[in-house]
């Protein structure tokens, strides 16, 4: 009987559960709304119970903040999330009650970064940084297969950016106002303009402002990490023209100070598209089994 790996993309809106084979090919995937731990986890557990005899490990990429330190009393918990029902929820513990298996535990954006590292734009390079720009903004970084983290996981979506001179929007982050997420995430676009980004035409002048903030993010990332590639995913980046504007503005900001790889290979969108997180969770599960 073929052994299978499990993956859980635990997002603030939905949970995507998957099982995949040793080649990280998806065998089955299902999506469930993020409601309460009791309701959502019951659906998650039911999904994996179907594969109980084949399942060998599970990889989880969760919305956060989460506790990633194995020596912590709250390792495997979702901690101070604004989603009240999920505050201080023992995610890994709930899975362990049902499945006596190795479980990999990281952030949702780290999982997407890992997916691109093993099977996407980061395949074959040492250093990858991945940002999701959608309902929120988050970032993850990998160096030689290891996540860059310290006392906690990075909160790269909340770096401060300089206000574009053509933008008088105050920002919508309740903590920092005009941080990257407060200025450039999907809800910030909608609050500023009264329309969703997907409803704007390609030649709408707003996209130059959006590109400026994302280019500032790429600039700061370049100077801090010098990665081999920076990947921008998420719903906002599904505007195909946007990445070209980001590259152009990034070149202006760098102003020749550092020499990066060719921008068409350096500032990119995910090769795996919306599958990056799914593949990443499965790959992390596979890695967890190898080291168990």
C-alpha atoms as a PDB file:
ATOM      1  CA  UNK A   1       0.000   0.000   0.000  1.00  0.00           C
ATOM      2  CA  UNK A   2       1.413   3.361  -1.033  1.00  0.00           C
ATOM      3  CA  UNK A   3       2.474   5.677   1.775  1.00  0.00           C
ATOM      4  CA  UNK A   4       0.975   9.154   1.668  1.00  0.00           C
ATOM      5  CA  UNK A   5       1.851  12.513   3.196  1.00  0.00           C
ATOM      6  CA  UNK A   6      -0.720  14.932   4.559  1.00  0.00           C
ATOM      7  CA  UNK A   7      -0.819  18.708   4.249  1.00  0.00           C
ATOM      8  CA  UNK A   8      -2.909  21.384   5.967  1.00  0.00           C
ATOM      9  CA  UNK A   9      -2.912  24.979   4.746  1.00  0.00           C
ATOM     10  CA  UNK A  10      -4.638  26.617   7.673  1.00  0.00           C
ATOM     11  CA  UNK A  11      -5.741  30.015   6.422  1.00  0.00           C
ATOM     12  CA  UNK A  12      -7.844  32.659   8.062  1.00  0.00           C
ATOM     13  CA  UNK A  13     -10.638  32.087   5.535  1.00  0.00           C
ATOM     14  CA  UNK A  14     -10.312  28.397   4.687  1.00  0.00           C
ATOM     15  CA  UNK A  15      -8.372  25.254   5.479  1.00  0.00           C
ATOM     16  CA  UNK A  16      -7.032  23.318   2.500  1.00  0.00           C
ATOM     17  CA  UNK A  17      -6.329  19.670   3.323  1.00  0.00           C
ATOM     18  CA  UNK A  18      -4.393  17.435   0.968  1.00  0.00           C
ATOM     19  CA  UNK A  19      -2.680  14.080   0.665  1.00  0.00           C
ATOM     20  CA  UNK A  20       0.167  13.464  -1.736  1.00  0.00           C
ATOM     21  CA  UNK A  21       2.594  10.767  -2.786  1.00  0.00           C
ATOM     22  CA  UNK A  22       6.375  10.583  -2.543  1.00  0.00           C
ATOM     23  CA  UNK A  23       6.709  12.744  -5.683  1.00  0.00           C
ATOM     24  CA  UNK A  24       4.509  15.406  -4.046  1.00  0.00           C
ATOM     25  CA  UNK A  25       1.755  14.743  -6.563  1.00  0.00           C
ATOM     26  CA  UNK A  26      -1.610  15.631  -5.034  1.00  0.00           C
ATOM     27  CA  UNK A  27      -3.882  12.598  -4.602  1.00  0.00           C
ATOM     28  CA  UNK A  28      -6.837  14.434  -3.056  1.00  0.00           C
ATOM     29  CA  UNK A  29      -7.510  17.935  -1.814  1.00  0.00           C
ATOM     30  CA  UNK A  30     -10.472  19.419   0.038  1.00  0.00           C
ATOM     31  CA  UNK A  31     -11.306  22.883   1.357  1.00  0.00           C
ATOM     32  CA  UNK A  32     -13.224  23.758   4.524  1.00  0.00           C
ATOM     33  CA  UNK A  33     -14.248  27.169   5.891  1.00  0.00           C
ATOM     34  CA  UNK A  34     -12.340  28.527   8.885  1.00  0.00           C
ATOM     35  CA  UNK A  35     -15.063  28.847  11.531  1.00  0.00           C
ATOM     36  CA  UNK A  36     -14.268  27.529  15.028  1.00  0.00           C
ATOM     37  CA  UNK A  37     -11.651  24.975  16.057  1.00  0.00           C
ATOM     38  CA  UNK A  38     -14.374  22.517  16.979  1.00  0.00           C
ATOM     39  CA  UNK A  39     -16.102  22.696  13.603  1.00  0.00           C
ATOM     40  CA  UNK A  40     -13.119  23.065  11.300  1.00  0.00           C
ATOM     41  CA  UNK A  41     -10.853  20.545  13.001  1.00  0.00           C
ATOM     42  CA  UNK A  42     -13.609  17.930  12.965  1.00  0.00           C
ATOM     43  CA  UNK A  43     -13.711  18.232   9.167  1.00  0.00           C
ATOM     44  CA  UNK A  44      -9.918  18.147   8.934  1.00  0.00           C
ATOM     45  CA  UNK A  45      -9.649  15.013  11.063  1.00  0.00           C
ATOM     46  CA  UNK A  46     -12.430  13.315   9.109  1.00  0.00           C
ATOM     47  CA  UNK A  47     -10.576  14.012   5.861  1.00  0.00           C
ATOM     48  CA  UNK A  48      -7.357  12.378   7.037  1.00  0.00           C
ATOM     49  CA  UNK A  49      -9.089   9.452   8.762  1.00  0.00           C
ATOM     50  CA  UNK A  50      -9.932   8.140   5.280  1.00  0.00           C
ATOM     51  CA  UNK A  51      -6.199   7.662   4.723  1.00  0.00           C
ATOM     52  CA  UNK A  52      -5.304   6.429   8.214  1.00  0.00           C
ATOM     53  CA  UNK A  53      -3.589   3.251   6.961  1.00  0.00           C
ATOM     54  CA  UNK A  54      -1.467   5.098   4.401  1.00  0.00           C
ATOM     55  CA  UNK A  55      -0.725   8.384   6.143  1.00  0.00           C
ATOM     56  CA  UNK A  56       2.842   8.624   7.496  1.00  0.00           C
ATOM     57  CA  UNK A  57       3.183  12.316   8.450  1.00  0.00           C
ATOM     58  CA  UNK A  58       1.423  15.687   8.253  1.00  0.00           C
ATOM     59  CA  UNK A  59       2.777  19.134   7.388  1.00  0.00           C
ATOM     60  CA  UNK A  60       0.919  22.203   8.658  1.00  0.00           C
ATOM     61  CA  UNK A  61       1.267  25.791   7.478  1.00  0.00           C
ATOM     62  CA  UNK A  62      -0.931  27.962   9.702  1.00  0.00           C
ATOM     63  CA  UNK A  63      -2.110  31.529   9.997  1.00  0.00           C
ATOM     64  CA  UNK A  64      -0.635  33.147  13.049  1.00  0.00           C
ATOM     65  CA  UNK A  65       0.996  34.280  15.104  1.00  0.00           C
ATOM     66  CA  UNK A  66       2.040  30.756  16.110  1.00  0.00           C
ATOM     67  CA  UNK A  67       4.528  29.279  18.587  1.00  0.00           C
ATOM     68  CA  UNK A  68       7.334  27.549  16.656  1.00  0.00           C
ATOM     69  CA  UNK A  69       9.715  26.730  19.519  1.00  0.00           C
ATOM     70  CA  UNK A  70       9.803  23.036  20.354  1.00  0.00           C
ATOM     71  CA  UNK A  71      10.973  23.659  23.932  1.00  0.00           C
ATOM     72  CA  UNK A  72       8.042  25.995  24.629  1.00  0.00           C
ATOM     73  CA  UNK A  73       5.013  24.931  26.665  1.00  0.00           C
ATOM     74  CA  UNK A  74       2.827  26.320  23.898  1.00  0.00           C
ATOM     75  CA  UNK A  75       4.701  24.855  20.929  1.00  0.00           C
ATOM     76  CA  UNK A  76       2.192  24.063  18.188  1.00  0.00           C
ATOM     77  CA  UNK A  77      -0.314  26.677  19.368  1.00  0.00           C
ATOM     78  CA  UNK A  78      -1.931  29.481  17.436  1.00  0.00           C
ATOM     79  CA  UNK A  79      -1.324  32.324  19.880  1.00  0.00           C
ATOM     80  CA  UNK A  80      -2.481  35.954  19.776  1.00  0.00           C
ATOM     81  CA  UNK A  81      -4.502  35.863  16.566  1.00  0.00           C
ATOM     82  CA  UNK A  82      -7.304  38.414  16.065  1.00  0.00           C
ATOM     83  CA  UNK A  83      -9.520  35.406  15.237  1.00  0.00           C
ATOM     84  CA  UNK A  84     -10.816  35.102  18.791  1.00  0.00           C
ATOM     85  CA  UNK A  85     -12.056  31.514  18.570  1.00  0.00           C
ATOM     86  CA  UNK A  86      -8.546  30.368  17.629  1.00  0.00           C
ATOM     87  CA  UNK A  87      -6.574  32.256  20.271  1.00  0.00           C
ATOM     88  CA  UNK A  88      -4.289  29.913  22.225  1.00  0.00           C
ATOM     89  CA  UNK A  89      -5.502  26.874  20.298  1.00  0.00           C
ATOM     90  CA  UNK A  90      -3.273  23.792  20.562  1.00  0.00           C
ATOM     91  CA  UNK A  91      -3.262  22.904  16.861  1.00  0.00           C
ATOM     92  CA  UNK A  92      -0.509  20.300  16.907  1.00  0.00           C
ATOM     93  CA  UNK A  93      -1.886  18.794  20.103  1.00  0.00           C
ATOM     94  CA  UNK A  94      -5.322  18.374  18.525  1.00  0.00           C
ATOM     95  CA  UNK A  95      -3.759  16.496  15.605  1.00  0.00           C
ATOM     96  CA  UNK A  96      -1.596  14.371  17.888  1.00  0.00           C
ATOM     97  CA  UNK A  97      -4.695  13.211  19.756  1.00  0.00           C
ATOM     98  CA  UNK A  98      -5.943  11.610  16.548  1.00  0.00           C
ATOM     99  CA  UNK A  99      -2.768  10.750  14.636  1.00  0.00           C
ATOM    100  CA  UNK A 100       0.392   9.330  16.184  1.00  0.00           C
ATOM    101  CA  UNK A 101       2.538  10.686  13.364  1.00  0.00           C
ATOM    102  CA  UNK A 102       5.378  13.171  12.830  1.00  0.00           C
ATOM    103  CA  UNK A 103       3.900  16.656  12.335  1.00  0.00           C
ATOM    104  CA  UNK A 104       5.744  19.586  10.736  1.00  0.00           C
ATOM    105  CA  UNK A 105       4.571  22.962  12.019  1.00  0.00           C
ATOM    106  CA  UNK A 106       5.220  26.397  10.497  1.00  0.00           C
ATOM    107  CA  UNK A 107       3.474  29.491   9.150  1.00  0.00           C
ATOM    108  CA  UNK A 108       1.300  29.461   6.051  1.00  0.00           C
ATOM    109  CA  UNK A 109       3.673  31.719   4.147  1.00  0.00           C
ATOM    110  CA  UNK A 110       6.689  29.618   5.187  1.00  0.00           C
ATOM    111  CA  UNK A 111       4.897  26.601   3.740  1.00  0.00           C
ATOM    112  CA  UNK A 112       4.356  28.398   0.437  1.00  0.00           C
ATOM    113  CA  UNK A 113       8.003  29.470   0.448  1.00  0.00           C
ATOM    114  CA  UNK A 114       9.053  25.850   0.979  1.00  0.00           C
ATOM    115  CA  UNK A 115       6.826  24.674  -1.854  1.00  0.00           C
ATOM    116  CA  UNK A 116       8.509  27.061  -4.258  1.00  0.00           C
ATOM    117  CA  UNK A 117      11.911  26.062  -2.867  1.00  0.00           C
ATOM    118  CA  UNK A 118      11.459  22.356  -3.564  1.00  0.00           C
ATOM    119  CA  UNK A 119       9.421  22.444  -6.764  1.00  0.00           C
ATOM    120  CA  UNK A 120       9.059  26.002  -8.015  1.00  0.00           C
ATOM    121  CA  UNK A 121      11.070  29.178  -8.596  1.00  0.00           C
ATOM    122  CA  UNK A 122      13.496  28.326  -5.810  1.00  0.00           C
ATOM    123  CA  UNK A 123      14.390  24.870  -7.059  1.00  0.00           C
ATOM    124  CA  UNK A 124      18.157  24.681  -7.396  1.00  0.00           C
ATOM    125  CA  UNK A 125      19.049  27.860  -5.491  1.00  0.00           C
ATOM    126  CA  UNK A 126      20.211  28.429  -1.905  1.00  0.00           C
ATOM    127  CA  UNK A 127      18.200  31.412  -0.721  1.00  0.00           C
ATOM    128  CA  UNK A 128      14.506  32.136  -1.299  1.00  0.00           C
ATOM    129  CA  UNK A 129      12.196  34.831   0.073  1.00  0.00           C
ATOM    130  CA  UNK A 130       8.458  34.512  -0.491  1.00  0.00           C
ATOM    131  CA  UNK A 131       5.750  37.109   0.157  1.00  0.00           C
ATOM    132  CA  UNK A 132       2.007  36.608   0.023  1.00  0.00           C
ATOM    133  CA  UNK A 133       0.205  39.833  -0.894  1.00  0.00           C
ATOM    134  CA  UNK A 134      -3.508  39.293  -0.495  1.00  0.00           C
ATOM    135  CA  UNK A 135      -5.956  39.763   2.381  1.00  0.00           C
ATOM    136  CA  UNK A 136      -2.846  40.353   4.478  1.00  0.00           C
ATOM    137  CA  UNK A 137       0.857  40.397   3.739  1.00  0.00           C
ATOM    138  CA  UNK A 138       3.303  37.888   5.139  1.00  0.00           C
ATOM    139  CA  UNK A 139       6.802  36.769   4.280  1.00  0.00           C
ATOM    140  CA  UNK A 140       9.008  33.751   4.740  1.00  0.00           C
ATOM    141  CA  UNK A 141      12.698  33.209   4.042  1.00  0.00           C
ATOM    142  CA  UNK A 142      14.772  30.079   3.451  1.00  0.00           C
ATOM    143  CA  UNK A 143      18.548  29.706   3.513  1.00  0.00           C
ATOM    144  CA  UNK A 144      19.896  26.325   2.360  1.00  0.00           C
ATOM    145  CA  UNK A 145      16.625  24.639   3.247  1.00  0.00           C
ATOM    146  CA  UNK A 146      16.279  26.197   6.702  1.00  0.00           C
ATOM    147  CA  UNK A 147      13.733  28.834   7.652  1.00  0.00           C
ATOM    148  CA  UNK A 148      15.227  32.113   8.845  1.00  0.00           C
ATOM    149  CA  UNK A 149      13.722  32.734  12.276  1.00  0.00           C
ATOM    150  CA  UNK A 150      14.762  33.583  15.831  1.00  0.00           C
ATOM    151  CA  UNK A 151      12.658  34.151  18.945  1.00  0.00           C
ATOM    152  CA  UNK A 152       9.666  33.815  16.612  1.00  0.00           C
ATOM    153  CA  UNK A 153       8.825  33.623  12.925  1.00  0.00           C
ATOM    154  CA  UNK A 154       9.328  36.822  10.886  1.00  0.00           C
ATOM    155  CA  UNK A 155       6.482  39.322  10.443  1.00  0.00           C
ATOM    156  CA  UNK A 156       7.848  40.716   7.204  1.00  0.00           C
ATOM    157  CA  UNK A 157       4.484  42.038   6.060  1.00  0.00           C
ATOM    158  CA  UNK A 158       4.638  44.737   8.723  1.00  0.00           C
ATOM    159  CA  UNK A 159       7.882  46.409   7.693  1.00  0.00           C
ATOM    160  CA  UNK A 160       7.525  50.163   7.379  1.00  0.00           C
ATOM    161  CA  UNK A 161       7.419  51.750   3.939  1.00  0.00           C
ATOM    162  CA  UNK A 162       7.770  55.351   2.842  1.00  0.00           C
ATOM    163  CA  UNK A 163       4.521  56.922   1.739  1.00  0.00           C
ATOM    164  CA  UNK A 164       4.241  57.377  -2.009  1.00  0.00           C
ATOM    165  CA  UNK A 165       4.003  61.125  -2.791  1.00  0.00           C
ATOM    166  CA  UNK A 166       0.795  60.519  -4.772  1.00  0.00           C
ATOM    167  CA  UNK A 167      -0.886  58.607  -1.950  1.00  0.00           C
ATOM    168  CA  UNK A 168      -2.697  60.279   0.942  1.00  0.00           C
ATOM    169  CA  UNK A 169      -4.121  57.042   2.375  1.00  0.00           C
ATOM    170  CA  UNK A 170      -3.479  56.791   6.122  1.00  0.00           C
ATOM    171  CA  UNK A 171      -3.133  53.009   6.086  1.00  0.00           C
ATOM    172  CA  UNK A 172      -5.341  50.406   7.689  1.00  0.00           C
ATOM    173  CA  UNK A 173      -3.051  48.368   9.929  1.00  0.00           C
ATOM    174  CA  UNK A 174      -4.444  48.745  13.484  1.00  0.00           C
ATOM    175  CA  UNK A 175      -0.944  48.423  14.924  1.00  0.00           C
ATOM    176  CA  UNK A 176       1.287  50.377  12.529  1.00  0.00           C
ATOM    177  CA  UNK A 177      -0.926  52.352  10.157  1.00  0.00           C
ATOM    178  CA  UNK A 178       1.280  52.741   7.101  1.00  0.00           C
ATOM    179  CA  UNK A 179       3.283  49.520   7.248  1.00  0.00           C
ATOM    180  CA  UNK A 180       3.490  47.394   4.096  1.00  0.00           C
ATOM    181  CA  UNK A 181       0.318  45.451   4.924  1.00  0.00           C
ATOM    182  CA  UNK A 182      -1.489  48.620   5.960  1.00  0.00           C
ATOM    183  CA  UNK A 183      -0.729  50.254   2.614  1.00  0.00           C
ATOM    184  CA  UNK A 184      -0.597  47.465   0.027  1.00  0.00           C
ATOM    185  CA  UNK A 185      -2.737  44.482   1.083  1.00  0.00           C
ATOM    186  CA  UNK A 186      -6.006  43.817  -0.734  1.00  0.00           C
ATOM    187  CA  UNK A 187      -8.245  45.396   1.949  1.00  0.00           C
ATOM    188  CA  UNK A 188      -6.060  48.540   1.917  1.00  0.00           C
ATOM    189  CA  UNK A 189      -6.641  48.891  -1.825  1.00  0.00           C
ATOM    190  CA  UNK A 190     -10.389  48.492  -1.387  1.00  0.00           C
ATOM    191  CA  UNK A 191     -10.623  50.907   1.549  1.00  0.00           C
ATOM    192  CA  UNK A 192      -8.562  53.506  -0.297  1.00  0.00           C
ATOM    193  CA  UNK A 193     -10.396  53.307  -3.642  1.00  0.00           C
ATOM    194  CA  UNK A 194     -13.807  51.850  -2.783  1.00  0.00           C
ATOM    195  CA  UNK A 195     -13.145  49.017  -5.248  1.00  0.00           C
ATOM    196  CA  UNK A 196     -11.269  45.746  -5.142  1.00  0.00           C
ATOM    197  CA  UNK A 197      -7.948  45.550  -6.972  1.00  0.00           C
ATOM    198  CA  UNK A 198      -9.355  42.918  -9.317  1.00  0.00           C
ATOM    199  CA  UNK A 199     -11.883  45.491 -10.545  1.00  0.00           C
ATOM    200  CA  UNK A 200      -9.256  48.067 -11.550  1.00  0.00           C
ATOM    201  CA  UNK A 201      -8.119  48.320 -15.147  1.00  0.00           C
ATOM    202  CA  UNK A 202      -4.530  47.526 -16.007  1.00  0.00           C
ATOM    203  CA  UNK A 203      -3.806  51.170 -16.817  1.00  0.00           C
ATOM    204  CA  UNK A 204      -5.323  52.555 -13.604  1.00  0.00           C
ATOM    205  CA  UNK A 205      -2.764  54.988 -12.129  1.00  0.00           C
ATOM    206  CA  UNK A 206      -3.135  53.351  -8.716  1.00  0.00           C
ATOM    207  CA  UNK A 207      -0.989  50.404  -9.812  1.00  0.00           C
ATOM    208  CA  UNK A 208       2.081  52.642  -9.858  1.00  0.00           C
ATOM    209  CA  UNK A 209       1.491  53.340  -6.164  1.00  0.00           C
ATOM    210  CA  UNK A 210       0.993  49.664  -5.362  1.00  0.00           C
ATOM    211  CA  UNK A 211       4.129  48.782  -7.322  1.00  0.00           C
ATOM    212  CA  UNK A 212       6.089  51.374  -5.362  1.00  0.00           C
ATOM    213  CA  UNK A 213       5.236  49.773  -2.018  1.00  0.00           C
ATOM    214  CA  UNK A 214       6.001  46.267  -3.239  1.00  0.00           C
ATOM    215  CA  UNK A 215       9.252  47.478  -4.807  1.00  0.00           C
ATOM    216  CA  UNK A 216      10.226  49.048  -1.482  1.00  0.00           C
ATOM    217  CA  UNK A 217       9.640  45.632   0.067  1.00  0.00           C
ATOM    218  CA  UNK A 218      11.884  43.992  -2.553  1.00  0.00           C
ATOM    219  CA  UNK A 219      14.531  46.698  -2.012  1.00  0.00           C
ATOM    220  CA  UNK A 220      14.604  46.173   1.760  1.00  0.00           C
ATOM    221  CA  UNK A 221      14.632  42.386   1.311  1.00  0.00           C
ATOM    222  CA  UNK A 222      17.551  42.631  -1.109  1.00  0.00           C
ATOM    223  CA  UNK A 223      19.653  44.718   1.253  1.00  0.00           C
ATOM    224  CA  UNK A 224      18.855  42.545   4.280  1.00  0.00           C
ATOM    225  CA  UNK A 225      19.097  39.036   2.803  1.00  0.00           C
ATOM    226  CA  UNK A 226      20.631  39.203  -0.710  1.00  0.00           C
ATOM    227  CA  UNK A 227      18.459  36.232  -1.700  1.00  0.00           C
ATOM    228  CA  UNK A 228      18.756  34.349  -4.963  1.00  0.00           C
ATOM    229  CA  UNK A 229      15.096  35.031  -5.737  1.00  0.00           C
ATOM    230  CA  UNK A 230      12.173  37.028  -4.328  1.00  0.00           C
ATOM    231  CA  UNK A 231       8.743  35.563  -5.032  1.00  0.00           C
ATOM    232  CA  UNK A 232       5.551  37.596  -4.719  1.00  0.00           C
ATOM    233  CA  UNK A 233       2.370  35.517  -4.501  1.00  0.00           C
ATOM    234  CA  UNK A 234      -1.172  36.098  -3.294  1.00  0.00           C
ATOM    235  CA  UNK A 235      -4.313  37.489  -4.865  1.00  0.00           C
ATOM    236  CA  UNK A 236      -3.016  41.017  -5.497  1.00  0.00           C
ATOM    237  CA  UNK A 237      -0.112  39.659  -7.536  1.00  0.00           C
ATOM    238  CA  UNK A 238      -2.477  37.865  -9.911  1.00  0.00           C
ATOM    239  CA  UNK A 239      -2.500  41.147 -11.830  1.00  0.00           C
ATOM    240  CA  UNK A 240      -0.003  40.006 -14.454  1.00  0.00           C
ATOM    241  CA  UNK A 241       1.190  43.513 -15.285  1.00  0.00           C
ATOM    242  CA  UNK A 242       2.056  44.349 -11.670  1.00  0.00           C
ATOM    243  CA  UNK A 243       5.328  42.434 -11.381  1.00  0.00           C
ATOM    244  CA  UNK A 244       6.746  44.356 -14.350  1.00  0.00           C
ATOM    245  CA  UNK A 245       5.933  47.656 -12.638  1.00  0.00           C
ATOM    246  CA  UNK A 246       7.552  46.369  -9.441  1.00  0.00           C
ATOM    247  CA  UNK A 247      10.762  45.489 -11.286  1.00  0.00           C
ATOM    248  CA  UNK A 248      10.920  48.915 -12.918  1.00  0.00           C
ATOM    249  CA  UNK A 249      10.422  50.754  -9.627  1.00  0.00           C
ATOM    250  CA  UNK A 250      12.859  48.434  -7.832  1.00  0.00           C
ATOM    251  CA  UNK A 251      15.554  49.303 -10.371  1.00  0.00           C
ATOM    252  CA  UNK A 252      14.989  53.011  -9.652  1.00  0.00           C
ATOM    253  CA  UNK A 253      15.189  52.481  -5.902  1.00  0.00           C
ATOM    254  CA  UNK A 254      18.385  50.408  -5.989  1.00  0.00           C
ATOM    255  CA  UNK A 255      19.967  52.991  -8.299  1.00  0.00           C
ATOM    256  CA  UNK A 256      22.911  50.756  -9.148  1.00  0.00           C
ATOM    257  CA  UNK A 257      23.972  50.262  -5.516  1.00  0.00           C
ATOM    258  CA  UNK A 258      23.963  46.450  -5.650  1.00  0.00           C
ATOM    259  CA  UNK A 259      24.091  44.077  -8.583  1.00  0.00           C
ATOM    260  CA  UNK A 260      21.263  41.564  -8.418  1.00  0.00           C
ATOM    261  CA  UNK A 261      20.433  38.651 -10.715  1.00  0.00           C
ATOM    262  CA  UNK A 262      18.503  39.633 -13.847  1.00  0.00           C
ATOM    263  CA  UNK A 263      15.246  41.131 -12.616  1.00  0.00           C
ATOM    264  CA  UNK A 264      13.084  38.799 -14.726  1.00  0.00           C
ATOM    265  CA  UNK A 265      14.615  35.927 -12.736  1.00  0.00           C
ATOM    266  CA  UNK A 266      14.944  37.775  -9.428  1.00  0.00           C
ATOM    267  CA  UNK A 267      11.551  39.388  -8.762  1.00  0.00           C
ATOM    268  CA  UNK A 268       9.006  36.814  -9.843  1.00  0.00           C
ATOM    269  CA  UNK A 269       5.565  35.344  -9.186  1.00  0.00           C
ATOM    270  CA  UNK A 270       5.125  31.720  -8.018  1.00  0.00           C
ATOM    271  CA  UNK A 271       5.748  28.958 -10.519  1.00  0.00           C
ATOM    272  CA  UNK A 272       3.327  26.779  -8.550  1.00  0.00           C
ATOM    273  CA  UNK A 273       0.624  29.446  -8.422  1.00  0.00           C
ATOM    274  CA  UNK A 274      -2.011  28.676  -5.794  1.00  0.00           C
ATOM    275  CA  UNK A 275      -0.471  25.239  -5.242  1.00  0.00           C
ATOM    276  CA  UNK A 276       2.651  26.587  -3.533  1.00  0.00           C
ATOM    277  CA  UNK A 277       1.252  26.182  -0.025  1.00  0.00           C
ATOM    278  CA  UNK A 278      -0.179  22.736  -0.709  1.00  0.00           C
ATOM    279  CA  UNK A 279       3.088  21.436  -2.172  1.00  0.00           C
ATOM    280  CA  UNK A 280       5.010  23.067   0.660  1.00  0.00           C
ATOM    281  CA  UNK A 281       2.926  21.373   3.360  1.00  0.00           C
ATOM    282  CA  UNK A 282       3.345  17.990   1.677  1.00  0.00           C
ATOM    283  CA  UNK A 283       7.094  18.557   1.295  1.00  0.00           C
ATOM    284  CA  UNK A 284       7.404  19.519   4.959  1.00  0.00           C
ATOM    285  CA  UNK A 285       5.488  16.370   5.914  1.00  0.00           C
ATOM    286  CA  UNK A 286       7.889  14.299   3.827  1.00  0.00           C
ATOM    287  CA  UNK A 287      10.849  16.001   5.500  1.00  0.00           C
ATOM    288  CA  UNK A 288       9.363  15.395   8.956  1.00  0.00           C
ATOM    289  CA  UNK A 289       9.015  11.688   8.229  1.00  0.00           C
ATOM    290  CA  UNK A 290      12.625  11.464   7.012  1.00  0.00           C
ATOM    291  CA  UNK A 291      13.870  12.944  10.295  1.00  0.00           C
ATOM    292  CA  UNK A 292      11.504  11.120  12.640  1.00  0.00           C
END
